[in-house]
Amino acid sequence: MIEELRIQITAAQERLVAALEADEPHEAVRHRARLEDLIEIAARHDIDVSAWVDRTLLRG
């Protein structure tokens, strides 16, 4: 589960960065929400994802 969570977080961040670079605010909101969901899931399972997450991407 931890490895899959890390993969999903990485993918969400990559998609978010791509949406921001393409100036697609709607897509950025979607990917930011997915990233926040994954962080919440990790917290519920006591998984520390702080090293995997670029917190600057969470500011919208």
C-alpha atoms as a PDB file:
ATOM      1  CA  MET A   1       0.000   0.000   0.000  1.00  0.00           C
ATOM      2  CA  ILE A   2       2.781   2.445   0.831  1.00  0.00           C
ATOM      3  CA  GLU A   3       4.468   2.032  -2.548  1.00  0.00           C
ATOM      4  CA  GLU A   4       1.182   2.492  -4.417  1.00  0.00           C
ATOM      5  CA  LEU A   5       0.430   5.603  -2.382  1.00  0.00           C
ATOM      6  CA  ARG A   6       3.849   7.023  -3.225  1.00  0.00           C
ATOM      7  CA  ILE A   7       3.272   6.310  -6.924  1.00  0.00           C
ATOM      8  CA  GLN A   8      -0.144   7.982  -6.841  1.00  0.00           C
ATOM      9  CA  ILE A   9       1.201  11.046  -5.026  1.00  0.00           C
ATOM     10  CA  THR A  10       4.041  11.404  -7.517  1.00  0.00           C
ATOM     11  CA  ALA A  11       1.639  11.104 -10.455  1.00  0.00           C
ATOM     12  CA  ALA A  12      -0.784  13.647  -8.975  1.00  0.00           C
ATOM     13  CA  GLN A  13       2.033  16.122  -8.434  1.00  0.00           C
ATOM     14  CA  GLU A  14       3.363  15.640 -11.961  1.00  0.00           C
ATOM     15  CA  ARG A  15      -0.110  16.195 -13.421  1.00  0.00           C
ATOM     16  CA  LEU A  16      -0.617  19.248 -11.232  1.00  0.00           C
ATOM     17  CA  VAL A  17       2.669  20.779 -12.367  1.00  0.00           C
ATOM     18  CA  ALA A  18       1.766  20.087 -16.010  1.00  0.00           C
ATOM     19  CA  ALA A  19      -1.642  21.728 -15.565  1.00  0.00           C
ATOM     20  CA  LEU A  20      -0.080  24.780 -13.944  1.00  0.00           C
ATOM     21  CA  GLU A  21       2.517  25.082 -16.706  1.00  0.00           C
ATOM     22  CA  ALA A  22      -0.212  24.739 -19.363  1.00  0.00           C
ATOM     23  CA  ASP A  23      -2.275  27.428 -17.609  1.00  0.00           C
ATOM     24  CA  GLU A  24      -5.208  25.072 -17.120  1.00  0.00           C
ATOM     25  CA  PRO A  25      -6.694  26.202 -13.792  1.00  0.00           C
ATOM     26  CA  HIS A  26      -9.604  23.731 -13.832  1.00  0.00           C
ATOM     27  CA  GLU A  27      -7.232  20.798 -14.296  1.00  0.00           C
ATOM     28  CA  ALA A  28      -4.922  22.186 -11.622  1.00  0.00           C
ATOM     29  CA  VAL A  29      -7.798  22.292  -9.142  1.00  0.00           C
ATOM     30  CA  ARG A  30      -8.683  18.669  -9.939  1.00  0.00           C
ATOM     31  CA  HIS A  31      -5.115  17.429  -9.463  1.00  0.00           C
ATOM     32  CA  ARG A  32      -4.617  19.488  -6.310  1.00  0.00           C
ATOM     33  CA  ALA A  33      -7.788  17.957  -4.850  1.00  0.00           C
ATOM     34  CA  ARG A  34      -6.546  14.465  -5.738  1.00  0.00           C
ATOM     35  CA  LEU A  35      -3.225  15.192  -4.057  1.00  0.00           C
ATOM     36  CA  GLU A  36      -5.009  16.422  -0.939  1.00  0.00           C
ATOM     37  CA  ASP A  37      -7.163  13.272  -0.924  1.00  0.00           C
ATOM     38  CA  LEU A  38      -4.077  11.075  -1.109  1.00  0.00           C
ATOM     39  CA  ILE A  39      -2.460  12.989   1.760  1.00  0.00           C
ATOM     40  CA  GLU A  40      -5.614  12.481   3.808  1.00  0.00           C
ATOM     41  CA  ILE A  41      -5.663   8.761   3.045  1.00  0.00           C
ATOM     42  CA  ALA A  42      -2.038   8.497   4.147  1.00  0.00           C
ATOM     43  CA  ALA A  43      -2.797  10.334   7.393  1.00  0.00           C
ATOM     44  CA  ARG A  44      -5.664   7.955   8.164  1.00  0.00           C
ATOM     45  CA  HIS A  45      -3.197   5.081   7.907  1.00  0.00           C
ATOM     46  CA  ASP A  46      -0.460   6.862   9.880  1.00  0.00           C
ATOM     47  CA  ILE A  47       1.817   7.095   6.835  1.00  0.00           C
ATOM     48  CA  ASP A  48       4.152  10.077   6.798  1.00  0.00           C
ATOM     49  CA  VAL A  49       4.244  11.446   3.253  1.00  0.00           C
ATOM     50  CA  SER A  50       5.941  14.739   4.054  1.00  0.00           C
ATOM     51  CA  ALA A  51       9.100  13.721   2.189  1.00  0.00           C
ATOM     52  CA  TRP A  52       7.080  12.880  -0.937  1.00  0.00           C
ATOM     53  CA  VAL A  53       4.899  15.990  -1.138  1.00  0.00           C
ATOM     54  CA  ASP A  54       5.904  19.373  -2.462  1.00  0.00           C
ATOM     55  CA  ARG A  55       3.797  21.522  -0.131  1.00  0.00           C
ATOM     56  CA  THR A  56       4.161  24.556  -2.398  1.00  0.00           C
ATOM     57  CA  LEU A  57       1.840  22.785  -4.863  1.00  0.00           C
ATOM     58  CA  LEU A  58      -0.961  22.734  -2.301  1.00  0.00           C
ATOM     59  CA  ARG A  59      -1.271  26.492  -2.322  1.00  0.00           C
ATOM     60  CA  GLY A  60      -3.855  27.480  -4.860  1.00  0.00           C
END
